[in-house]
Structures are given as structure tokens and as C-alpha cells.
Amino acid sequence: GLLKARAALEAQDADGETALMIAA
């Protein structure tokens, strides 16, 4: 749902990690 709404893919958390890194 968030991807369909175009949530930012490359946003980074305090450790510099993206959603993809976190999922992995």
C-alpha cells in the first residue's frame, strides 16, 4: 500500500539504513 502511494524508497534511518536494508 505504501509503495503504491509512492513512499520514499531511499529514506534512511538514524543508522543510514533504507527499507530494503531493514527487510534484508
PDBML (XML) file of the C-alpha atoms, coordinates in Angstrom:
<?xml version="1.0" encoding="UTF-8" ?>
<PDBx:datablock datablockName="MODEL"
   xmlns:PDBx="http://pdbml.pdb.org/schema/pdbx-v50.xsd"
   xmlns:xsi="http://www.w3.org/2001/XMLSchema-instance"
   xsi:schemaLocation="http://pdbml.pdb.org/schema/pdbx-v50.xsd pdbx-v50.xsd">
   <PDBx:atom_siteCategory>
      <PDBx:atom_site id="1">
         <PDBx:B_iso_or_equiv>0.00</PDBx:B_iso_or_equiv>
         <PDBx:Cartn_x>0.000</PDBx:Cartn_x>
         <PDBx:Cartn_y>0.000</PDBx:Cartn_y>
         <PDBx:Cartn_z>0.000</PDBx:Cartn_z>
         <PDBx:auth_asym_id>A</PDBx:auth_asym_id>
         <PDBx:auth_atom_id>CA</PDBx:auth_atom_id>
         <PDBx:auth_comp_id>GLY</PDBx:auth_comp_id>
         <PDBx:auth_seq_id>1</PDBx:auth_seq_id>
         <PDBx:group_PDB>ATOM</PDBx:group_PDB>
         <PDBx:label_alt_id xsi:nil="true" />
         <PDBx:label_asym_id>A</PDBx:label_asym_id>
         <PDBx:label_atom_id>CA</PDBx:label_atom_id>
         <PDBx:label_comp_id>GLY</PDBx:label_comp_id>
         <PDBx:label_entity_id>1</PDBx:label_entity_id>
         <PDBx:label_seq_id>1</PDBx:label_seq_id>
         <PDBx:occupancy>1.00</PDBx:occupancy>
         <PDBx:pdbx_PDB_model_num>1</PDBx:pdbx_PDB_model_num>
         <PDBx:type_symbol>C</PDBx:type_symbol>
      </PDBx:atom_site>
      <PDBx:atom_site id="2">
         <PDBx:B_iso_or_equiv>0.00</PDBx:B_iso_or_equiv>
         <PDBx:Cartn_x>2.796</PDBx:Cartn_x>
         <PDBx:Cartn_y>2.409</PDBx:Cartn_y>
         <PDBx:Cartn_z>0.840</PDBx:Cartn_z>
         <PDBx:auth_asym_id>A</PDBx:auth_asym_id>
         <PDBx:auth_atom_id>CA</PDBx:auth_atom_id>
         <PDBx:auth_comp_id>LEU</PDBx:auth_comp_id>
         <PDBx:auth_seq_id>2</PDBx:auth_seq_id>
         <PDBx:group_PDB>ATOM</PDBx:group_PDB>
         <PDBx:label_alt_id xsi:nil="true" />
         <PDBx:label_asym_id>A</PDBx:label_asym_id>
         <PDBx:label_atom_id>CA</PDBx:label_atom_id>
         <PDBx:label_comp_id>LEU</PDBx:label_comp_id>
         <PDBx:label_entity_id>1</PDBx:label_entity_id>
         <PDBx:label_seq_id>2</PDBx:label_seq_id>
         <PDBx:occupancy>1.00</PDBx:occupancy>
         <PDBx:pdbx_PDB_model_num>1</PDBx:pdbx_PDB_model_num>
         <PDBx:type_symbol>C</PDBx:type_symbol>
      </PDBx:atom_site>
      <PDBx:atom_site id="3">
         <PDBx:B_iso_or_equiv>0.00</PDBx:B_iso_or_equiv>
         <PDBx:Cartn_x>4.668</PDBx:Cartn_x>
         <PDBx:Cartn_y>1.595</PDBx:Cartn_y>
         <PDBx:Cartn_z>-2.350</PDBx:Cartn_z>
         <PDBx:auth_asym_id>A</PDBx:auth_asym_id>
         <PDBx:auth_atom_id>CA</PDBx:auth_atom_id>
         <PDBx:auth_comp_id>LEU</PDBx:auth_comp_id>
         <PDBx:auth_seq_id>3</PDBx:auth_seq_id>
         <PDBx:group_PDB>ATOM</PDBx:group_PDB>
         <PDBx:label_alt_id xsi:nil="true" />
         <PDBx:label_asym_id>A</PDBx:label_asym_id>
         <PDBx:label_atom_id>CA</PDBx:label_atom_id>
         <PDBx:label_comp_id>LEU</PDBx:label_comp_id>
         <PDBx:label_entity_id>1</PDBx:label_entity_id>
         <PDBx:label_seq_id>3</PDBx:label_seq_id>
         <PDBx:occupancy>1.00</PDBx:occupancy>
         <PDBx:pdbx_PDB_model_num>1</PDBx:pdbx_PDB_model_num>
         <PDBx:type_symbol>C</PDBx:type_symbol>
      </PDBx:atom_site>
      <PDBx:atom_site id="4">
         <PDBx:B_iso_or_equiv>0.00</PDBx:B_iso_or_equiv>
         <PDBx:Cartn_x>1.538</PDBx:Cartn_x>
         <PDBx:Cartn_y>2.207</PDBx:Cartn_y>
         <PDBx:Cartn_z>-4.407</PDBx:Cartn_z>
         <PDBx:auth_asym_id>A</PDBx:auth_asym_id>
         <PDBx:auth_atom_id>CA</PDBx:auth_atom_id>
         <PDBx:auth_comp_id>LYS</PDBx:auth_comp_id>
         <PDBx:auth_seq_id>4</PDBx:auth_seq_id>
         <PDBx:group_PDB>ATOM</PDBx:group_PDB>
         <PDBx:label_alt_id xsi:nil="true" />
         <PDBx:label_asym_id>A</PDBx:label_asym_id>
         <PDBx:label_atom_id>CA</PDBx:label_atom_id>
         <PDBx:label_comp_id>LYS</PDBx:label_comp_id>
         <PDBx:label_entity_id>1</PDBx:label_entity_id>
         <PDBx:label_seq_id>4</PDBx:label_seq_id>
         <PDBx:occupancy>1.00</PDBx:occupancy>
         <PDBx:pdbx_PDB_model_num>1</PDBx:pdbx_PDB_model_num>
         <PDBx:type_symbol>C</PDBx:type_symbol>
      </PDBx:atom_site>
      <PDBx:atom_site id="5">
         <PDBx:B_iso_or_equiv>0.00</PDBx:B_iso_or_equiv>
         <PDBx:Cartn_x>1.254</PDBx:Cartn_x>
         <PDBx:Cartn_y>5.613</PDBx:Cartn_y>
         <PDBx:Cartn_z>-2.713</PDBx:Cartn_z>
         <PDBx:auth_asym_id>A</PDBx:auth_asym_id>
         <PDBx:auth_atom_id>CA</PDBx:auth_atom_id>
         <PDBx:auth_comp_id>ALA</PDBx:auth_comp_id>
         <PDBx:auth_seq_id>5</PDBx:auth_seq_id>
         <PDBx:group_PDB>ATOM</PDBx:group_PDB>
         <PDBx:label_alt_id xsi:nil="true" />
         <PDBx:label_asym_id>A</PDBx:label_asym_id>
         <PDBx:label_atom_id>CA</PDBx:label_atom_id>
         <PDBx:label_comp_id>ALA</PDBx:label_comp_id>
         <PDBx:label_entity_id>1</PDBx:label_entity_id>
         <PDBx:label_seq_id>5</PDBx:label_seq_id>
         <PDBx:occupancy>1.00</PDBx:occupancy>
         <PDBx:pdbx_PDB_model_num>1</PDBx:pdbx_PDB_model_num>
         <PDBx:type_symbol>C</PDBx:type_symbol>
      </PDBx:atom_site>
      <PDBx:atom_site id="6">
         <PDBx:B_iso_or_equiv>0.00</PDBx:B_iso_or_equiv>
         <PDBx:Cartn_x>4.916</PDBx:Cartn_x>
         <PDBx:Cartn_y>6.234</PDBx:Cartn_y>
         <PDBx:Cartn_z>-3.641</PDBx:Cartn_z>
         <PDBx:auth_asym_id>A</PDBx:auth_asym_id>
         <PDBx:auth_atom_id>CA</PDBx:auth_atom_id>
         <PDBx:auth_comp_id>ARG</PDBx:auth_comp_id>
         <PDBx:auth_seq_id>6</PDBx:auth_seq_id>
         <PDBx:group_PDB>ATOM</PDBx:group_PDB>
         <PDBx:label_alt_id xsi:nil="true" />
         <PDBx:label_asym_id>A</PDBx:label_asym_id>
         <PDBx:label_atom_id>CA</PDBx:label_atom_id>
         <PDBx:label_comp_id>ARG</PDBx:label_comp_id>
         <PDBx:label_entity_id>1</PDBx:label_entity_id>
         <PDBx:label_seq_id>6</PDBx:label_seq_id>
         <PDBx:occupancy>1.00</PDBx:occupancy>
         <PDBx:pdbx_PDB_model_num>1</PDBx:pdbx_PDB_model_num>
         <PDBx:type_symbol>C</PDBx:type_symbol>
      </PDBx:atom_site>
      <PDBx:atom_site id="7">
         <PDBx:B_iso_or_equiv>0.00</PDBx:B_iso_or_equiv>
         <PDBx:Cartn_x>6.560</PDBx:Cartn_x>
         <PDBx:Cartn_y>6.233</PDBx:Cartn_y>
         <PDBx:Cartn_z>-0.244</PDBx:Cartn_z>
         <PDBx:auth_asym_id>A</PDBx:auth_asym_id>
         <PDBx:auth_atom_id>CA</PDBx:auth_atom_id>
         <PDBx:auth_comp_id>ALA</PDBx:auth_comp_id>
         <PDBx:auth_seq_id>7</PDBx:auth_seq_id>
         <PDBx:group_PDB>ATOM</PDBx:group_PDB>
         <PDBx:label_alt_id xsi:nil="true" />
         <PDBx:label_asym_id>A</PDBx:label_asym_id>
         <PDBx:label_atom_id>CA</PDBx:label_atom_id>
         <PDBx:label_comp_id>ALA</PDBx:label_comp_id>
         <PDBx:label_entity_id>1</PDBx:label_entity_id>
         <PDBx:label_seq_id>7</PDBx:label_seq_id>
         <PDBx:occupancy>1.00</PDBx:occupancy>
         <PDBx:pdbx_PDB_model_num>1</PDBx:pdbx_PDB_model_num>
         <PDBx:type_symbol>C</PDBx:type_symbol>
      </PDBx:atom_site>
      <PDBx:atom_site id="8">
         <PDBx:B_iso_or_equiv>0.00</PDBx:B_iso_or_equiv>
         <PDBx:Cartn_x>10.253</PDBx:Cartn_x>
         <PDBx:Cartn_y>7.107</PDBx:Cartn_y>
         <PDBx:Cartn_z>-0.473</PDBx:Cartn_z>
         <PDBx:auth_asym_id>A</PDBx:auth_asym_id>
         <PDBx:auth_atom_id>CA</PDBx:auth_atom_id>
         <PDBx:auth_comp_id>ALA</PDBx:auth_comp_id>
         <PDBx:auth_seq_id>8</PDBx:auth_seq_id>
         <PDBx:group_PDB>ATOM</PDBx:group_PDB>
         <PDBx:label_alt_id xsi:nil="true" />
         <PDBx:label_asym_id>A</PDBx:label_asym_id>
         <PDBx:label_atom_id>CA</PDBx:label_atom_id>
         <PDBx:label_comp_id>ALA</PDBx:label_comp_id>
         <PDBx:label_entity_id>1</PDBx:label_entity_id>
         <PDBx:label_seq_id>8</PDBx:label_seq_id>
         <PDBx:occupancy>1.00</PDBx:occupancy>
         <PDBx:pdbx_PDB_model_num>1</PDBx:pdbx_PDB_model_num>
         <PDBx:type_symbol>C</PDBx:type_symbol>
      </PDBx:atom_site>
      <PDBx:atom_site id="9">
         <PDBx:B_iso_or_equiv>0.00</PDBx:B_iso_or_equiv>
         <PDBx:Cartn_x>12.361</PDBx:Cartn_x>
         <PDBx:Cartn_y>4.023</PDBx:Cartn_y>
         <PDBx:Cartn_z>-1.148</PDBx:Cartn_z>
         <PDBx:auth_asym_id>A</PDBx:auth_asym_id>
         <PDBx:auth_atom_id>CA</PDBx:auth_atom_id>
         <PDBx:auth_comp_id>LEU</PDBx:auth_comp_id>
         <PDBx:auth_seq_id>9</PDBx:auth_seq_id>
         <PDBx:group_PDB>ATOM</PDBx:group_PDB>
         <PDBx:label_alt_id xsi:nil="true" />
         <PDBx:label_asym_id>A</PDBx:label_asym_id>
         <PDBx:label_atom_id>CA</PDBx:label_atom_id>
         <PDBx:label_comp_id>LEU</PDBx:label_comp_id>
         <PDBx:label_entity_id>1</PDBx:label_entity_id>
         <PDBx:label_seq_id>9</PDBx:label_seq_id>
         <PDBx:occupancy>1.00</PDBx:occupancy>
         <PDBx:pdbx_PDB_model_num>1</PDBx:pdbx_PDB_model_num>
         <PDBx:type_symbol>C</PDBx:type_symbol>
      </PDBx:atom_site>
      <PDBx:atom_site id="10">
         <PDBx:B_iso_or_equiv>0.00</PDBx:B_iso_or_equiv>
         <PDBx:Cartn_x>15.712</PDBx:Cartn_x>
         <PDBx:Cartn_y>5.571</PDBx:Cartn_y>
         <PDBx:Cartn_z>-0.255</PDBx:Cartn_z>
         <PDBx:auth_asym_id>A</PDBx:auth_asym_id>
         <PDBx:auth_atom_id>CA</PDBx:auth_atom_id>
         <PDBx:auth_comp_id>GLU</PDBx:auth_comp_id>
         <PDBx:auth_seq_id>10</PDBx:auth_seq_id>
         <PDBx:group_PDB>ATOM</PDBx:group_PDB>
         <PDBx:label_alt_id xsi:nil="true" />
         <PDBx:label_asym_id>A</PDBx:label_asym_id>
         <PDBx:label_atom_id>CA</PDBx:label_atom_id>
         <PDBx:label_comp_id>GLU</PDBx:label_comp_id>
         <PDBx:label_entity_id>1</PDBx:label_entity_id>
         <PDBx:label_seq_id>10</PDBx:label_seq_id>
         <PDBx:occupancy>1.00</PDBx:occupancy>
         <PDBx:pdbx_PDB_model_num>1</PDBx:pdbx_PDB_model_num>
         <PDBx:type_symbol>C</PDBx:type_symbol>
      </PDBx:atom_site>
      <PDBx:atom_site id="11">
         <PDBx:B_iso_or_equiv>0.00</PDBx:B_iso_or_equiv>
         <PDBx:Cartn_x>14.871</PDBx:Cartn_x>
         <PDBx:Cartn_y>7.321</PDBx:Cartn_y>
         <PDBx:Cartn_z>3.023</PDBx:Cartn_z>
         <PDBx:auth_asym_id>A</PDBx:auth_asym_id>
         <PDBx:auth_atom_id>CA</PDBx:auth_atom_id>
         <PDBx:auth_comp_id>ALA</PDBx:auth_comp_id>
         <PDBx:auth_seq_id>11</PDBx:auth_seq_id>
         <PDBx:group_PDB>ATOM</PDBx:group_PDB>
         <PDBx:label_alt_id xsi:nil="true" />
         <PDBx:label_asym_id>A</PDBx:label_asym_id>
         <PDBx:label_atom_id>CA</PDBx:label_atom_id>
         <PDBx:label_comp_id>ALA</PDBx:label_comp_id>
         <PDBx:label_entity_id>1</PDBx:label_entity_id>
         <PDBx:label_seq_id>11</PDBx:label_seq_id>
         <PDBx:occupancy>1.00</PDBx:occupancy>
         <PDBx:pdbx_PDB_model_num>1</PDBx:pdbx_PDB_model_num>
         <PDBx:type_symbol>C</PDBx:type_symbol>
      </PDBx:atom_site>
      <PDBx:atom_site id="12">
         <PDBx:B_iso_or_equiv>0.00</PDBx:B_iso_or_equiv>
         <PDBx:Cartn_x>17.428</PDBx:Cartn_x>
         <PDBx:Cartn_y>6.388</PDBx:Cartn_y>
         <PDBx:Cartn_z>5.690</PDBx:Cartn_z>
         <PDBx:auth_asym_id>A</PDBx:auth_asym_id>
         <PDBx:auth_atom_id>CA</PDBx:auth_atom_id>
         <PDBx:auth_comp_id>GLN</PDBx:auth_comp_id>
         <PDBx:auth_seq_id>12</PDBx:auth_seq_id>
         <PDBx:group_PDB>ATOM</PDBx:group_PDB>
         <PDBx:label_alt_id xsi:nil="true" />
         <PDBx:label_asym_id>A</PDBx:label_asym_id>
         <PDBx:label_atom_id>CA</PDBx:label_atom_id>
         <PDBx:label_comp_id>GLN</PDBx:label_comp_id>
         <PDBx:label_entity_id>1</PDBx:label_entity_id>
         <PDBx:label_seq_id>12</PDBx:label_seq_id>
         <PDBx:occupancy>1.00</PDBx:occupancy>
         <PDBx:pdbx_PDB_model_num>1</PDBx:pdbx_PDB_model_num>
         <PDBx:type_symbol>C</PDBx:type_symbol>
      </PDBx:atom_site>
      <PDBx:atom_site id="13">
         <PDBx:B_iso_or_equiv>0.00</PDBx:B_iso_or_equiv>
         <PDBx:Cartn_x>17.064</PDBx:Cartn_x>
         <PDBx:Cartn_y>5.882</PDBx:Cartn_y>
         <PDBx:Cartn_z>9.421</PDBx:Cartn_z>
         <PDBx:auth_asym_id>A</PDBx:auth_asym_id>
         <PDBx:auth_atom_id>CA</PDBx:auth_atom_id>
         <PDBx:auth_comp_id>ASP</PDBx:auth_comp_id>
         <PDBx:auth_seq_id>13</PDBx:auth_seq_id>
         <PDBx:group_PDB>ATOM</PDBx:group_PDB>
         <PDBx:label_alt_id xsi:nil="true" />
         <PDBx:label_asym_id>A</PDBx:label_asym_id>
         <PDBx:label_atom_id>CA</PDBx:label_atom_id>
         <PDBx:label_comp_id>ASP</PDBx:label_comp_id>
         <PDBx:label_entity_id>1</PDBx:label_entity_id>
         <PDBx:label_seq_id>13</PDBx:label_seq_id>
         <PDBx:occupancy>1.00</PDBx:occupancy>
         <PDBx:pdbx_PDB_model_num>1</PDBx:pdbx_PDB_model_num>
         <PDBx:type_symbol>C</PDBx:type_symbol>
      </PDBx:atom_site>
      <PDBx:atom_site id="14">
         <PDBx:B_iso_or_equiv>0.00</PDBx:B_iso_or_equiv>
         <PDBx:Cartn_x>19.496</PDBx:Cartn_x>
         <PDBx:Cartn_y>7.025</PDBx:Cartn_y>
         <PDBx:Cartn_z>12.104</PDBx:Cartn_z>
         <PDBx:auth_asym_id>A</PDBx:auth_asym_id>
         <PDBx:auth_atom_id>CA</PDBx:auth_atom_id>
         <PDBx:auth_comp_id>ALA</PDBx:auth_comp_id>
         <PDBx:auth_seq_id>14</PDBx:auth_seq_id>
         <PDBx:group_PDB>ATOM</PDBx:group_PDB>
         <PDBx:label_alt_id xsi:nil="true" />
         <PDBx:label_asym_id>A</PDBx:label_asym_id>
         <PDBx:label_atom_id>CA</PDBx:label_atom_id>
         <PDBx:label_comp_id>ALA</PDBx:label_comp_id>
         <PDBx:label_entity_id>1</PDBx:label_entity_id>
         <PDBx:label_seq_id>14</PDBx:label_seq_id>
         <PDBx:occupancy>1.00</PDBx:occupancy>
         <PDBx:pdbx_PDB_model_num>1</PDBx:pdbx_PDB_model_num>
         <PDBx:type_symbol>C</PDBx:type_symbol>
      </PDBx:atom_site>
      <PDBx:atom_site id="15">
         <PDBx:B_iso_or_equiv>0.00</PDBx:B_iso_or_equiv>
         <PDBx:Cartn_x>21.907</PDBx:Cartn_x>
         <PDBx:Cartn_y>4.238</PDBx:Cartn_y>
         <PDBx:Cartn_z>11.088</PDBx:Cartn_z>
         <PDBx:auth_asym_id>A</PDBx:auth_asym_id>
         <PDBx:auth_atom_id>CA</PDBx:auth_atom_id>
         <PDBx:auth_comp_id>ASP</PDBx:auth_comp_id>
         <PDBx:auth_seq_id>15</PDBx:auth_seq_id>
         <PDBx:group_PDB>ATOM</PDBx:group_PDB>
         <PDBx:label_alt_id xsi:nil="true" />
         <PDBx:label_asym_id>A</PDBx:label_asym_id>
         <PDBx:label_atom_id>CA</PDBx:label_atom_id>
         <PDBx:label_comp_id>ASP</PDBx:label_comp_id>
         <PDBx:label_entity_id>1</PDBx:label_entity_id>
         <PDBx:label_seq_id>15</PDBx:label_seq_id>
         <PDBx:occupancy>1.00</PDBx:occupancy>
         <PDBx:pdbx_PDB_model_num>1</PDBx:pdbx_PDB_model_num>
         <PDBx:type_symbol>C</PDBx:type_symbol>
      </PDBx:atom_site>
      <PDBx:atom_site id="16">
         <PDBx:B_iso_or_equiv>0.00</PDBx:B_iso_or_equiv>
         <PDBx:Cartn_x>21.674</PDBx:Cartn_x>
         <PDBx:Cartn_y>5.188</PDBx:Cartn_y>
         <PDBx:Cartn_z>7.436</PDBx:Cartn_z>
         <PDBx:auth_asym_id>A</PDBx:auth_asym_id>
         <PDBx:auth_atom_id>CA</PDBx:auth_atom_id>
         <PDBx:auth_comp_id>GLY</PDBx:auth_comp_id>
         <PDBx:auth_seq_id>16</PDBx:auth_seq_id>
         <PDBx:group_PDB>ATOM</PDBx:group_PDB>
         <PDBx:label_alt_id xsi:nil="true" />
         <PDBx:label_asym_id>A</PDBx:label_asym_id>
         <PDBx:label_atom_id>CA</PDBx:label_atom_id>
         <PDBx:label_comp_id>GLY</PDBx:label_comp_id>
         <PDBx:label_entity_id>1</PDBx:label_entity_id>
         <PDBx:label_seq_id>16</PDBx:label_seq_id>
         <PDBx:occupancy>1.00</PDBx:occupancy>
         <PDBx:pdbx_PDB_model_num>1</PDBx:pdbx_PDB_model_num>
         <PDBx:type_symbol>C</PDBx:type_symbol>
      </PDBx:atom_site>
      <PDBx:atom_site id="17">
         <PDBx:B_iso_or_equiv>0.00</PDBx:B_iso_or_equiv>
         <PDBx:Cartn_x>19.644</PDBx:Cartn_x>
         <PDBx:Cartn_y>2.096</PDBx:Cartn_y>
         <PDBx:Cartn_z>6.592</PDBx:Cartn_z>
         <PDBx:auth_asym_id>A</PDBx:auth_asym_id>
         <PDBx:auth_atom_id>CA</PDBx:auth_atom_id>
         <PDBx:auth_comp_id>GLU</PDBx:auth_comp_id>
         <PDBx:auth_seq_id>17</PDBx:auth_seq_id>
         <PDBx:group_PDB>ATOM</PDBx:group_PDB>
         <PDBx:label_alt_id xsi:nil="true" />
         <PDBx:label_asym_id>A</PDBx:label_asym_id>
         <PDBx:label_atom_id>CA</PDBx:label_atom_id>
         <PDBx:label_comp_id>GLU</PDBx:label_comp_id>
         <PDBx:label_entity_id>1</PDBx:label_entity_id>
         <PDBx:label_seq_id>17</PDBx:label_seq_id>
         <PDBx:occupancy>1.00</PDBx:occupancy>
         <PDBx:pdbx_PDB_model_num>1</PDBx:pdbx_PDB_model_num>
         <PDBx:type_symbol>C</PDBx:type_symbol>
      </PDBx:atom_site>
      <PDBx:atom_site id="18">
         <PDBx:B_iso_or_equiv>0.00</PDBx:B_iso_or_equiv>
         <PDBx:Cartn_x>16.915</PDBx:Cartn_x>
         <PDBx:Cartn_y>2.010</PDBx:Cartn_y>
         <PDBx:Cartn_z>3.968</PDBx:Cartn_z>
         <PDBx:auth_asym_id>A</PDBx:auth_asym_id>
         <PDBx:auth_atom_id>CA</PDBx:auth_atom_id>
         <PDBx:auth_comp_id>THR</PDBx:auth_comp_id>
         <PDBx:auth_seq_id>18</PDBx:auth_seq_id>
         <PDBx:group_PDB>ATOM</PDBx:group_PDB>
         <PDBx:label_alt_id xsi:nil="true" />
         <PDBx:label_asym_id>A</PDBx:label_asym_id>
         <PDBx:label_atom_id>CA</PDBx:label_atom_id>
         <PDBx:label_comp_id>THR</PDBx:label_comp_id>
         <PDBx:label_entity_id>1</PDBx:label_entity_id>
         <PDBx:label_seq_id>18</PDBx:label_seq_id>
         <PDBx:occupancy>1.00</PDBx:occupancy>
         <PDBx:pdbx_PDB_model_num>1</PDBx:pdbx_PDB_model_num>
         <PDBx:type_symbol>C</PDBx:type_symbol>
      </PDBx:atom_site>
      <PDBx:atom_site id="19">
         <PDBx:B_iso_or_equiv>0.00</PDBx:B_iso_or_equiv>
         <PDBx:Cartn_x>13.717</PDBx:Cartn_x>
         <PDBx:Cartn_y>-0.047</PDBx:Cartn_y>
         <PDBx:Cartn_z>3.965</PDBx:Cartn_z>
         <PDBx:auth_asym_id>A</PDBx:auth_asym_id>
         <PDBx:auth_atom_id>CA</PDBx:auth_atom_id>
         <PDBx:auth_comp_id>ALA</PDBx:auth_comp_id>
         <PDBx:auth_seq_id>19</PDBx:auth_seq_id>
         <PDBx:group_PDB>ATOM</PDBx:group_PDB>
         <PDBx:label_alt_id xsi:nil="true" />
         <PDBx:label_asym_id>A</PDBx:label_asym_id>
         <PDBx:label_atom_id>CA</PDBx:label_atom_id>
         <PDBx:label_comp_id>ALA</PDBx:label_comp_id>
         <PDBx:label_entity_id>1</PDBx:label_entity_id>
         <PDBx:label_seq_id>19</PDBx:label_seq_id>
         <PDBx:occupancy>1.00</PDBx:occupancy>
         <PDBx:pdbx_PDB_model_num>1</PDBx:pdbx_PDB_model_num>
         <PDBx:type_symbol>C</PDBx:type_symbol>
      </PDBx:atom_site>
      <PDBx:atom_site id="20">
         <PDBx:B_iso_or_equiv>0.00</PDBx:B_iso_or_equiv>
         <PDBx:Cartn_x>15.466</PDBx:Cartn_x>
         <PDBx:Cartn_y>-2.624</PDBx:Cartn_y>
         <PDBx:Cartn_z>1.760</PDBx:Cartn_z>
         <PDBx:auth_asym_id>A</PDBx:auth_asym_id>
         <PDBx:auth_atom_id>CA</PDBx:auth_atom_id>
         <PDBx:auth_comp_id>LEU</PDBx:auth_comp_id>
         <PDBx:auth_seq_id>20</PDBx:auth_seq_id>
         <PDBx:group_PDB>ATOM</PDBx:group_PDB>
         <PDBx:label_alt_id xsi:nil="true" />
         <PDBx:label_asym_id>A</PDBx:label_asym_id>
         <PDBx:label_atom_id>CA</PDBx:label_atom_id>
         <PDBx:label_comp_id>LEU</PDBx:label_comp_id>
         <PDBx:label_entity_id>1</PDBx:label_entity_id>
         <PDBx:label_seq_id>20</PDBx:label_seq_id>
         <PDBx:occupancy>1.00</PDBx:occupancy>
         <PDBx:pdbx_PDB_model_num>1</PDBx:pdbx_PDB_model_num>
         <PDBx:type_symbol>C</PDBx:type_symbol>
      </PDBx:atom_site>
      <PDBx:atom_site id="21">
         <PDBx:B_iso_or_equiv>0.00</PDBx:B_iso_or_equiv>
         <PDBx:Cartn_x>18.369</PDBx:Cartn_x>
         <PDBx:Cartn_y>-2.960</PDBx:Cartn_y>
         <PDBx:Cartn_z>4.199</PDBx:Cartn_z>
         <PDBx:auth_asym_id>A</PDBx:auth_asym_id>
         <PDBx:auth_atom_id>CA</PDBx:auth_atom_id>
         <PDBx:auth_comp_id>MET</PDBx:auth_comp_id>
         <PDBx:auth_seq_id>21</PDBx:auth_seq_id>
         <PDBx:group_PDB>ATOM</PDBx:group_PDB>
         <PDBx:label_alt_id xsi:nil="true" />
         <PDBx:label_asym_id>A</PDBx:label_asym_id>
         <PDBx:label_atom_id>CA</PDBx:label_atom_id>
         <PDBx:label_comp_id>MET</PDBx:label_comp_id>
         <PDBx:label_entity_id>1</PDBx:label_entity_id>
         <PDBx:label_seq_id>21</PDBx:label_seq_id>
         <PDBx:occupancy>1.00</PDBx:occupancy>
         <PDBx:pdbx_PDB_model_num>1</PDBx:pdbx_PDB_model_num>
         <PDBx:type_symbol>C</PDBx:type_symbol>
      </PDBx:atom_site>
      <PDBx:atom_site id="22">
         <PDBx:B_iso_or_equiv>0.00</PDBx:B_iso_or_equiv>
         <PDBx:Cartn_x>15.980</PDBx:Cartn_x>
         <PDBx:Cartn_y>-3.358</PDBx:Cartn_y>
         <PDBx:Cartn_z>7.098</PDBx:Cartn_z>
         <PDBx:auth_asym_id>A</PDBx:auth_asym_id>
         <PDBx:auth_atom_id>CA</PDBx:auth_atom_id>
         <PDBx:auth_comp_id>ILE</PDBx:auth_comp_id>
         <PDBx:auth_seq_id>22</PDBx:auth_seq_id>
         <PDBx:group_PDB>ATOM</PDBx:group_PDB>
         <PDBx:label_alt_id xsi:nil="true" />
         <PDBx:label_asym_id>A</PDBx:label_asym_id>
         <PDBx:label_atom_id>CA</PDBx:label_atom_id>
         <PDBx:label_comp_id>ILE</PDBx:label_comp_id>
         <PDBx:label_entity_id>1</PDBx:label_entity_id>
         <PDBx:label_seq_id>22</PDBx:label_seq_id>
         <PDBx:occupancy>1.00</PDBx:occupancy>
         <PDBx:pdbx_PDB_model_num>1</PDBx:pdbx_PDB_model_num>
         <PDBx:type_symbol>C</PDBx:type_symbol>
      </PDBx:atom_site>
      <PDBx:atom_site id="23">
         <PDBx:B_iso_or_equiv>0.00</PDBx:B_iso_or_equiv>
         <PDBx:Cartn_x>13.931</PDBx:Cartn_x>
         <PDBx:Cartn_y>-6.001</PDBx:Cartn_y>
         <PDBx:Cartn_z>5.286</PDBx:Cartn_z>
         <PDBx:auth_asym_id>A</PDBx:auth_asym_id>
         <PDBx:auth_atom_id>CA</PDBx:auth_atom_id>
         <PDBx:auth_comp_id>ALA</PDBx:auth_comp_id>
         <PDBx:auth_seq_id>23</PDBx:auth_seq_id>
         <PDBx:group_PDB>ATOM</PDBx:group_PDB>
         <PDBx:label_alt_id xsi:nil="true" />
         <PDBx:label_asym_id>A</PDBx:label_asym_id>
         <PDBx:label_atom_id>CA</PDBx:label_atom_id>
         <PDBx:label_comp_id>ALA</PDBx:label_comp_id>
         <PDBx:label_entity_id>1</PDBx:label_entity_id>
         <PDBx:label_seq_id>23</PDBx:label_seq_id>
         <PDBx:occupancy>1.00</PDBx:occupancy>
         <PDBx:pdbx_PDB_model_num>1</PDBx:pdbx_PDB_model_num>
         <PDBx:type_symbol>C</PDBx:type_symbol>
      </PDBx:atom_site>
      <PDBx:atom_site id="24">
         <PDBx:B_iso_or_equiv>0.00</PDBx:B_iso_or_equiv>
         <PDBx:Cartn_x>17.093</PDBx:Cartn_x>
         <PDBx:Cartn_y>-7.917</PDBx:Cartn_y>
         <PDBx:Cartn_z>4.403</PDBx:Cartn_z>
         <PDBx:auth_asym_id>A</PDBx:auth_asym_id>
         <PDBx:auth_atom_id>CA</PDBx:auth_atom_id>
         <PDBx:auth_comp_id>ALA</PDBx:auth_comp_id>
         <PDBx:auth_seq_id>24</PDBx:auth_seq_id>
         <PDBx:group_PDB>ATOM</PDBx:group_PDB>
         <PDBx:label_alt_id xsi:nil="true" />
         <PDBx:label_asym_id>A</PDBx:label_asym_id>
         <PDBx:label_atom_id>CA</PDBx:label_atom_id>
         <PDBx:label_comp_id>ALA</PDBx:label_comp_id>
         <PDBx:label_entity_id>1</PDBx:label_entity_id>
         <PDBx:label_seq_id>24</PDBx:label_seq_id>
         <PDBx:occupancy>1.00</PDBx:occupancy>
         <PDBx:pdbx_PDB_model_num>1</PDBx:pdbx_PDB_model_num>
         <PDBx:type_symbol>C</PDBx:type_symbol>
      </PDBx:atom_site>
   </PDBx:atom_siteCategory>
</PDBx:datablock>
